[in-house]
Structure formats: structure tokens, C-alpha cells
Amino acid sequence: LFISAYILSKPFKGFDSVDPRMERVPFDLRQNEIRKEYLSNHITWFLKNHNGEIEKFKESVKELYKDDTELTSPKQLKLFQDNY
């Protein structure tokens, strides 16, 4: 309990790790349209706040499915970016 309070009291500087399960590419997405929708959603829901992980995930998809399915990446704002 005290460790959690200590950690939560520190300023947030971004995510420090990625759960390996977020990088997994399913083996059963044979239909291109379903695969494209699923993978785009996966990026938006799980990877958009992890710098560099989206490109690694896209490379894994390309390696597994041997195609150039164009996956859209959400636009990520920098944590401390001036948004004027």
C-alpha cells in the first residue's frame, strides 16, 4: 500500500513498459478486411501510447501474413507537447 502511494505521488512521465501480450499477432485472421479492421483496432486500443511499438507490431504482421496490409496508426500527442 505504501509503495503504491509513493509511486502514485511521483509525476507521470509516460509508460515505462509494454506487456508482451499487446504485441501478439493472431494466427487466424485470414480474411483481409477482418484482419485489417482487427489490427487497426488493436493498435488504437493497446499500442497508441507506446512509442515505437506500433512499427514493431506492423513488422510482425507483415512477417506473419506476408502482405502489405496498410494499417492506420492513430496520431499520438506527445505527453508534454504544447497543444496551441
PDB file of N, CA and C in Angstrom:
ATOM      1  N   LEU A   1       0.827  -1.194   0.000  1.00  0.00           N
ATOM      2  CA  LEU A   1       0.000   0.000   0.000  1.00  0.00           C
ATOM      3  C   LEU A   1       0.867   1.252   0.000  1.00  0.00           C
ATOM      4  N   PHE A   2       1.911   1.272   0.809  1.00  0.00           N
ATOM      5  CA  PHE A   2       2.768   2.454   0.873  1.00  0.00           C
ATOM      6  C   PHE A   2       3.568   2.640  -0.413  1.00  0.00           C
ATOM      7  N   ILE A   3       3.988   1.535  -1.029  1.00  0.00           N
ATOM      8  CA  ILE A   3       4.734   1.632  -2.281  1.00  0.00           C
ATOM      9  C   ILE A   3       3.842   2.215  -3.371  1.00  0.00           C
ATOM     10  N   SER A   4       2.596   1.762  -3.444  1.00  0.00           N
ATOM     11  CA  SER A   4       1.667   2.295  -4.443  1.00  0.00           C
ATOM     12  C   SER A   4       1.441   3.783  -4.245  1.00  0.00           C
ATOM     13  N   ALA A   5       1.258   4.211  -3.009  1.00  0.00           N
ATOM     14  CA  ALA A   5       1.056   5.633  -2.723  1.00  0.00           C
ATOM     15  C   ALA A   5       2.289   6.433  -3.135  1.00  0.00           C
ATOM     16  N   TYR A   6       3.465   5.879  -2.882  1.00  0.00           N
ATOM     17  CA  TYR A   6       4.708   6.557  -3.268  1.00  0.00           C
ATOM     18  C   TYR A   6       4.789   6.695  -4.791  1.00  0.00           C
ATOM     19  N   ILE A   7       4.536   5.607  -5.490  1.00  0.00           N
ATOM     20  CA  ILE A   7       4.608   5.627  -6.951  1.00  0.00           C
ATOM     21  C   ILE A   7       3.584   6.600  -7.526  1.00  0.00           C
ATOM     22  N   LEU A   8       2.374   6.577  -6.990  1.00  0.00           N
ATOM     23  CA  LEU A   8       1.327   7.464  -7.492  1.00  0.00           C
ATOM     24  C   LEU A   8       1.594   8.931  -7.175  1.00  0.00           C
ATOM     25  N   SER A   9       2.396   9.195  -6.174  1.00  0.00           N
ATOM     26  CA  SER A   9       2.691  10.584  -5.821  1.00  0.00           C
ATOM     27  C   SER A   9       3.751  11.204  -6.738  1.00  0.00           C
ATOM     28  N   LYS A  10       4.479  10.359  -7.483  1.00  0.00           N
ATOM     29  CA  LYS A  10       5.511  10.858  -8.389  1.00  0.00           C
ATOM     30  C   LYS A  10       4.861  11.369  -9.678  1.00  0.00           C
ATOM     31  N   PRO A  11       5.489  12.348 -10.338  1.00  0.00           N
ATOM     32  CA  PRO A  11       4.936  12.860 -11.601  1.00  0.00           C
ATOM     33  C   PRO A  11       4.917  11.766 -12.672  1.00  0.00           C
ATOM     34  N   PHE A  12       3.861  11.732 -13.472  1.00  0.00           N
ATOM     35  CA  PHE A  12       3.740  10.766 -14.561  1.00  0.00           C
ATOM     36  C   PHE A  12       4.566  11.235 -15.747  1.00  0.00           C
ATOM     37  N   LYS A  13       5.469  10.387 -16.232  1.00  0.00           N
ATOM     38  CA  LYS A  13       6.356  10.751 -17.342  1.00  0.00           C
ATOM     39  C   LYS A  13       6.138   9.873 -18.560  1.00  0.00           C
ATOM     40  N   GLY A  14       5.123   9.067 -18.553  1.00  0.00           N
ATOM     41  CA  GLY A  14       4.848   8.194 -19.684  1.00  0.00           C
ATOM     42  C   GLY A  14       4.929   6.740 -19.270  1.00  0.00           C
ATOM     43  N   PHE A  15       4.586   5.877 -20.206  1.00  0.00           N
ATOM     44  CA  PHE A  15       4.596   4.451 -19.938  1.00  0.00           C
ATOM     45  C   PHE A  15       6.021   3.931 -19.972  1.00  0.00           C
ATOM     46  N   ASP A  16       6.342   3.026 -19.056  1.00  0.00           N
ATOM     47  CA  ASP A  16       7.711   2.526 -18.985  1.00  0.00           C
ATOM     48  C   ASP A  16       7.869   1.114 -19.519  1.00  0.00           C
ATOM     49  N   SER A  17       6.769   0.456 -19.862  1.00  0.00           N
ATOM     50  CA  SER A  17       6.898  -0.901 -20.376  1.00  0.00           C
ATOM     51  C   SER A  17       5.682  -1.270 -21.214  1.00  0.00           C
ATOM     52  N   VAL A  18       5.846  -2.335 -21.956  1.00  0.00           N
ATOM     53  CA  VAL A  18       4.773  -2.875 -22.780  1.00  0.00           C
ATOM     54  C   VAL A  18       4.576  -4.321 -22.373  1.00  0.00           C
ATOM     55  N   ASP A  19       3.341  -4.686 -22.124  1.00  0.00           N
ATOM     56  CA  ASP A  19       3.020  -6.076 -21.830  1.00  0.00           C
ATOM     57  C   ASP A  19       3.208  -6.865 -23.126  1.00  0.00           C
ATOM     58  N   PRO A  20       3.987  -7.932 -23.114  1.00  0.00           N
ATOM     59  CA  PRO A  20       4.241  -8.696 -24.341  1.00  0.00           C
ATOM     60  C   PRO A  20       2.969  -9.186 -25.031  1.00  0.00           C
ATOM     61  N   ARG A  21       1.899  -9.360 -24.285  1.00  0.00           N
ATOM     62  CA  ARG A  21       0.640  -9.811 -24.892  1.00  0.00           C
ATOM     63  C   ARG A  21       0.063  -8.769 -25.845  1.00  0.00           C
ATOM     64  N   MET A  22       0.432  -7.498 -25.655  1.00  0.00           N
ATOM     65  CA  MET A  22      -0.088  -6.449 -26.535  1.00  0.00           C
ATOM     66  C   MET A  22       0.563  -6.490 -27.908  1.00  0.00           C
ATOM     67  N   GLU A  23       1.672  -7.184 -28.035  1.00  0.00           N
ATOM     68  CA  GLU A  23       2.391  -7.258 -29.309  1.00  0.00           C
ATOM     69  C   GLU A  23       2.044  -8.510 -30.111  1.00  0.00           C
ATOM     70  N   ARG A  24       1.233  -9.381 -29.560  1.00  0.00           N
ATOM     71  CA  ARG A  24       0.901 -10.626 -30.253  1.00  0.00           C
ATOM     72  C   ARG A  24       0.050 -10.366 -31.487  1.00  0.00           C
ATOM     73  N   VAL A  25       0.333 -11.126 -32.527  1.00  0.00           N
ATOM     74  CA  VAL A  25      -0.446 -11.061 -33.761  1.00  0.00           C
ATOM     75  C   VAL A  25      -1.209 -12.375 -33.877  1.00  0.00           C
ATOM     76  N   PRO A  26      -2.545 -12.328 -33.970  1.00  0.00           N
ATOM     77  CA  PRO A  26      -3.324 -13.570 -34.077  1.00  0.00           C
ATOM     78  C   PRO A  26      -2.997 -14.325 -35.366  1.00  0.00           C
ATOM     79  N   PHE A  27      -3.050 -15.657 -35.294  1.00  0.00           N
ATOM     80  CA  PHE A  27      -2.740 -16.511 -36.443  1.00  0.00           C
ATOM     81  C   PHE A  27      -3.944 -16.769 -37.343  1.00  0.00           C
ATOM     82  N   ASP A  28      -5.141 -16.447 -36.896  1.00  0.00           N
ATOM     83  CA  ASP A  28      -6.343 -16.871 -37.616  1.00  0.00           C
ATOM     84  C   ASP A  28      -7.087 -15.737 -38.319  1.00  0.00           C
ATOM     85  N   LEU A  29      -6.376 -14.735 -38.768  1.00  0.00           N
ATOM     86  CA  LEU A  29      -7.015 -13.610 -39.460  1.00  0.00           C
ATOM     87  C   LEU A  29      -6.764 -13.723 -40.962  1.00  0.00           C
ATOM     88  N   ARG A  30      -7.360 -14.716 -41.576  1.00  0.00           N
ATOM     89  CA  ARG A  30      -7.107 -14.994 -42.987  1.00  0.00           C
ATOM     90  C   ARG A  30      -7.821 -14.025 -43.933  1.00  0.00           C
ATOM     91  N   GLN A  31      -9.004 -13.568 -43.550  1.00  0.00           N
ATOM     92  CA  GLN A  31      -9.750 -12.652 -44.416  1.00  0.00           C
ATOM     93  C   GLN A  31      -9.181 -11.243 -44.268  1.00  0.00           C
ATOM     94  N   ASN A  32      -8.774 -10.676 -45.390  1.00  0.00           N
ATOM     95  CA  ASN A  32      -8.051  -9.412 -45.381  1.00  0.00           C
ATOM     96  C   ASN A  32      -8.812  -8.283 -44.686  1.00  0.00           C
ATOM     97  N   GLU A  33     -10.092  -8.107 -44.983  1.00  0.00           N
ATOM     98  CA  GLU A  33     -10.850  -6.998 -44.388  1.00  0.00           C
ATOM     99  C   GLU A  33     -10.997  -7.160 -42.877  1.00  0.00           C
ATOM    100  N   ILE A  34     -11.246  -8.378 -42.428  1.00  0.00           N
ATOM    101  CA  ILE A  34     -11.360  -8.631 -40.986  1.00  0.00           C
ATOM    102  C   ILE A  34     -10.013  -8.397 -40.317  1.00  0.00           C
ATOM    103  N   ARG A  35      -8.942  -8.876 -40.960  1.00  0.00           N
ATOM    104  CA  ARG A  35      -7.596  -8.694 -40.418  1.00  0.00           C
ATOM    105  C   ARG A  35      -7.262  -7.207 -40.303  1.00  0.00           C
ATOM    106  N   LYS A  36      -7.547  -6.448 -41.338  1.00  0.00           N
ATOM    107  CA  LYS A  36      -7.241  -5.015 -41.342  1.00  0.00           C
ATOM    108  C   LYS A  36      -7.992  -4.293 -40.221  1.00  0.00           C
ATOM    109  N   GLU A  37      -9.283  -4.587 -40.075  1.00  0.00           N
ATOM    110  CA  GLU A  37     -10.075  -3.935 -39.025  1.00  0.00           C
ATOM    111  C   GLU A  37      -9.573  -4.318 -37.636  1.00  0.00           C
ATOM    112  N   TYR A  38      -9.344  -5.610 -37.428  1.00  0.00           N
ATOM    113  CA  TYR A  38      -8.889  -6.082 -36.117  1.00  0.00           C
ATOM    114  C   TYR A  38      -7.545  -5.450 -35.744  1.00  0.00           C
ATOM    115  N   LEU A  39      -6.602  -5.465 -36.657  1.00  0.00           N
ATOM    116  CA  LEU A  39      -5.264  -4.966 -36.358  1.00  0.00           C
ATOM    117  C   LEU A  39      -5.259  -3.454 -36.146  1.00  0.00           C
ATOM    118  N   SER A  40      -6.054  -2.727 -36.913  1.00  0.00           N
ATOM    119  CA  SER A  40      -6.156  -1.276 -36.701  1.00  0.00           C
ATOM    120  C   SER A  40      -6.745  -0.971 -35.332  1.00  0.00           C
ATOM    121  N   ASN A  41      -7.776  -1.713 -34.952  1.00  0.00           N
ATOM    122  CA  ASN A  41      -8.361  -1.531 -33.621  1.00  0.00           C
ATOM    123  C   ASN A  41      -7.351  -1.868 -32.531  1.00  0.00           C
ATOM    124  N   HIS A  42      -6.592  -2.929 -32.736  1.00  0.00           N
ATOM    125  CA  HIS A  42      -5.593  -3.343 -31.750  1.00  0.00           C
ATOM    126  C   HIS A  42      -4.571  -2.223 -31.529  1.00  0.00           C
ATOM    127  N   ILE A  43      -4.124  -1.619 -32.603  1.00  0.00           N
ATOM    128  CA  ILE A  43      -3.171  -0.511 -32.493  1.00  0.00           C
ATOM    129  C   ILE A  43      -3.783   0.640 -31.709  1.00  0.00           C
ATOM    130  N   THR A  44      -5.013   1.002 -32.052  1.00  0.00           N
ATOM    131  CA  THR A  44      -5.675   2.125 -31.383  1.00  0.00           C
ATOM    132  C   THR A  44      -5.902   1.842 -29.909  1.00  0.00           C
ATOM    133  N   TRP A  45      -6.352   0.650 -29.592  1.00  0.00           N
ATOM    134  CA  TRP A  45      -6.722   0.333 -28.211  1.00  0.00           C
ATOM    135  C   TRP A  45      -5.524   0.047 -27.309  1.00  0.00           C
ATOM    136  N   PHE A  46      -4.488  -0.594 -27.832  1.00  0.00           N
ATOM    137  CA  PHE A  46      -3.424  -1.093 -26.965  1.00  0.00           C
ATOM    138  C   PHE A  46      -2.040  -0.484 -27.181  1.00  0.00           C
ATOM    139  N   LEU A  47      -1.742   0.000 -28.352  1.00  0.00           N
ATOM    140  CA  LEU A  47      -0.363   0.401 -28.643  1.00  0.00           C
ATOM    141  C   LEU A  47      -0.159   1.884 -28.893  1.00  0.00           C
ATOM    142  N   LYS A  48      -1.216   2.659 -29.020  1.00  0.00           N
ATOM    143  CA  LYS A  48      -1.063   4.052 -29.452  1.00  0.00           C
ATOM    144  C   LYS A  48      -0.243   4.910 -28.501  1.00  0.00           C
ATOM    145  N   ASN A  49      -0.147   4.535 -27.248  1.00  0.00           N
ATOM    146  CA  ASN A  49       0.607   5.337 -26.281  1.00  0.00           C
ATOM    147  C   ASN A  49       1.996   4.783 -25.984  1.00  0.00           C
ATOM    148  N   HIS A  50       2.443   3.850 -26.786  1.00  0.00           N
ATOM    149  CA  HIS A  50       3.750   3.227 -26.565  1.00  0.00           C
ATOM    150  C   HIS A  50       4.646   3.521 -27.765  1.00  0.00           C
ATOM    151  N   ASN A  51       5.526   4.468 -27.608  1.00  0.00           N
ATOM    152  CA  ASN A  51       6.419   4.872 -28.695  1.00  0.00           C
ATOM    153  C   ASN A  51       7.199   3.687 -29.244  1.00  0.00           C
ATOM    154  N   GLY A  52       7.202   3.559 -30.544  1.00  0.00           N
ATOM    155  CA  GLY A  52       7.995   2.532 -31.204  1.00  0.00           C
ATOM    156  C   GLY A  52       7.336   1.174 -31.312  1.00  0.00           C
ATOM    157  N   GLU A  53       6.339   0.902 -30.522  1.00  0.00           N
ATOM    158  CA  GLU A  53       5.733  -0.429 -30.526  1.00  0.00           C
ATOM    159  C   GLU A  53       4.839  -0.648 -31.738  1.00  0.00           C
ATOM    160  N   ILE A  54       4.260   0.415 -32.269  1.00  0.00           N
ATOM    161  CA  ILE A  54       3.372   0.270 -33.423  1.00  0.00           C
ATOM    162  C   ILE A  54       4.156  -0.252 -34.619  1.00  0.00           C
ATOM    163  N   GLU A  55       5.315   0.296 -34.865  1.00  0.00           N
ATOM    164  CA  GLU A  55       6.117  -0.149 -36.008  1.00  0.00           C
ATOM    165  C   GLU A  55       6.569  -1.593 -35.835  1.00  0.00           C
ATOM    166  N   LYS A  56       6.954  -1.977 -34.630  1.00  0.00           N
ATOM    167  CA  LYS A  56       7.344  -3.370 -34.382  1.00  0.00           C
ATOM    168  C   LYS A  56       6.160  -4.295 -34.620  1.00  0.00           C
ATOM    169  N   PHE A  57       4.969  -3.881 -34.190  1.00  0.00           N
ATOM    170  CA  PHE A  57       3.767  -4.681 -34.386  1.00  0.00           C
ATOM    171  C   PHE A  57       3.464  -4.824 -35.881  1.00  0.00           C
ATOM    172  N   LYS A  58       3.565  -3.735 -36.632  1.00  0.00           N
ATOM    173  CA  LYS A  58       3.317  -3.787 -38.072  1.00  0.00           C
ATOM    174  C   LYS A  58       4.300  -4.722 -38.770  1.00  0.00           C
ATOM    175  N   GLU A  59       5.549  -4.714 -38.352  1.00  0.00           N
ATOM    176  CA  GLU A  59       6.543  -5.621 -38.936  1.00  0.00           C
ATOM    177  C   GLU A  59       6.187  -7.078 -38.637  1.00  0.00           C
ATOM    178  N   SER A  60       5.700  -7.340 -37.431  1.00  0.00           N
ATOM    179  CA  SER A  60       5.286  -8.699 -37.070  1.00  0.00           C
ATOM    180  C   SER A  60       4.113  -9.152 -37.928  1.00  0.00           C
ATOM    181  N   VAL A  61       3.171  -8.248 -38.175  1.00  0.00           N
ATOM    182  CA  VAL A  61       2.017  -8.562 -39.027  1.00  0.00           C
ATOM    183  C   VAL A  61       2.490  -8.880 -40.439  1.00  0.00           C
ATOM    184  N   LYS A  62       3.374  -8.053 -40.957  1.00  0.00           N
ATOM    185  CA  LYS A  62       3.890  -8.250 -42.315  1.00  0.00           C
ATOM    186  C   LYS A  62       4.625  -9.582 -42.430  1.00  0.00           C
ATOM    187  N   GLU A  63       5.404  -9.914 -41.428  1.00  0.00           N
ATOM    188  CA  GLU A  63       6.147 -11.174 -41.425  1.00  0.00           C
ATOM    189  C   GLU A  63       5.206 -12.377 -41.377  1.00  0.00           C
ATOM    190  N   LEU A  64       4.165 -12.296 -40.562  1.00  0.00           N
ATOM    191  CA  LEU A  64       3.241 -13.422 -40.402  1.00  0.00           C
ATOM    192  C   LEU A  64       2.338 -13.605 -41.611  1.00  0.00           C
ATOM    193  N   TYR A  65       1.777 -12.525 -42.127  1.00  0.00           N
ATOM    194  CA  TYR A  65       0.781 -12.621 -43.190  1.00  0.00           C
ATOM    195  C   TYR A  65       1.337 -12.363 -44.587  1.00  0.00           C
ATOM    196  N   LYS A  66       2.596 -12.020 -44.694  1.00  0.00           N
ATOM    197  CA  LYS A  66       3.274 -11.854 -45.991  1.00  0.00           C
ATOM    198  C   LYS A  66       2.531 -10.915 -46.935  1.00  0.00           C
ATOM    199  N   ASP A  67       1.931  -9.863 -46.379  1.00  0.00           N
ATOM    200  CA  ASP A  67       1.295  -8.875 -47.238  1.00  0.00           C
ATOM    201  C   ASP A  67       1.581  -7.478 -46.704  1.00  0.00           C
ATOM    202  N   ASP A  68       1.165  -6.515 -47.465  1.00  0.00           N
ATOM    203  CA  ASP A  68       1.394  -5.122 -47.081  1.00  0.00           C
ATOM    204  C   ASP A  68       0.087  -4.466 -46.666  1.00  0.00           C
ATOM    205  N   THR A  69      -0.667  -5.132 -45.821  1.00  0.00           N
ATOM    206  CA  THR A  69      -1.909  -4.560 -45.329  1.00  0.00           C
ATOM    207  C   THR A  69      -1.604  -3.207 -44.713  1.00  0.00           C
ATOM    208  N   GLU A  70      -2.232  -2.190 -45.237  1.00  0.00           N
ATOM    209  CA  GLU A  70      -1.992  -0.838 -44.726  1.00  0.00           C
ATOM    210  C   GLU A  70      -2.792  -0.656 -43.447  1.00  0.00           C
ATOM    211  N   LEU A  71      -2.081  -0.520 -42.354  1.00  0.00           N
ATOM    212  CA  LEU A  71      -2.723  -0.311 -41.063  1.00  0.00           C
ATOM    213  C   LEU A  71      -2.584   1.147 -40.689  1.00  0.00           C
ATOM    214  N   THR A  72      -3.681   1.738 -40.302  1.00  0.00           N
ATOM    215  CA  THR A  72      -3.625   3.137 -39.904  1.00  0.00           C
ATOM    216  C   THR A  72      -3.169   3.235 -38.466  1.00  0.00           C
ATOM    217  N   SER A  73      -2.327   4.203 -38.219  1.00  0.00           N
ATOM    218  CA  SER A  73      -1.837   4.453 -36.867  1.00  0.00           C
ATOM    219  C   SER A  73      -2.511   5.704 -36.335  1.00  0.00           C
ATOM    220  N   PRO A  74      -2.964   5.657 -35.107  1.00  0.00           N
ATOM    221  CA  PRO A  74      -3.555   6.868 -34.535  1.00  0.00           C
ATOM    222  C   PRO A  74      -2.482   7.931 -34.364  1.00  0.00           C
ATOM    223  N   LYS A  75      -2.883   9.169 -34.464  1.00  0.00           N
ATOM    224  CA  LYS A  75      -1.926  10.249 -34.230  1.00  0.00           C
ATOM    225  C   LYS A  75      -1.718  10.373 -32.738  1.00  0.00           C
ATOM    226  N   GLN A  76      -0.479  10.287 -32.339  1.00  0.00           N
ATOM    227  CA  GLN A  76      -0.149  10.331 -30.920  1.00  0.00           C
ATOM    228  C   GLN A  76       0.356  11.715 -30.553  1.00  0.00           C
ATOM    229  N   LEU A  77      -0.221  12.279 -29.519  1.00  0.00           N
ATOM    230  CA  LEU A  77       0.269  13.539 -29.000  1.00  0.00           C
ATOM    231  C   LEU A  77       1.397  13.256 -28.029  1.00  0.00           C
ATOM    232  N   LYS A  78       2.399  14.082 -28.050  1.00  0.00           N
ATOM    233  CA  LYS A  78       3.472  13.951 -27.078  1.00  0.00           C
ATOM    234  C   LYS A  78       2.917  14.279 -25.704  1.00  0.00           C
ATOM    235  N   LEU A  79       3.419  13.622 -24.697  1.00  0.00           N
ATOM    236  CA  LEU A  79       2.900  13.790 -23.351  1.00  0.00           C
ATOM    237  C   LEU A  79       3.012  15.232 -22.873  1.00  0.00           C
ATOM    238  N   PHE A  80       4.116  15.877 -23.183  1.00  0.00           N
ATOM    239  CA  PHE A  80       4.317  17.242 -22.726  1.00  0.00           C
ATOM    240  C   PHE A  80       4.383  18.228 -23.894  1.00  0.00           C
ATOM    241  N   GLN A  81       3.709  17.894 -24.971  1.00  0.00           N
ATOM    242  CA  GLN A  81       3.704  18.728 -26.166  1.00  0.00           C
ATOM    243  C   GLN A  81       2.809  19.949 -25.945  1.00  0.00           C
ATOM    244  N   ASP A  82       3.237  21.094 -26.463  1.00  0.00           N
ATOM    245  CA  ASP A  82       2.386  22.280 -26.427  1.00  0.00           C
ATOM    246  C   ASP A  82       1.298  22.108 -27.471  1.00  0.00           C
ATOM    247  N   ASN A  83       0.068  22.144 -27.066  1.00  0.00           N
ATOM    248  CA  ASN A  83      -1.058  21.940 -27.974  1.00  0.00           C
ATOM    249  C   ASN A  83      -1.806  23.248 -28.188  1.00  0.00           C
ATOM    250  N   TYR A  84      -1.145  24.203 -28.776  1.00  0.00           N
ATOM    251  CA  TYR A  84      -1.764  25.511 -29.001  1.00  0.00           C
ATOM    252  C   TYR A  84      -2.340  25.584 -30.389  1.00  0.00           C
TER     253      TYR A  84
END
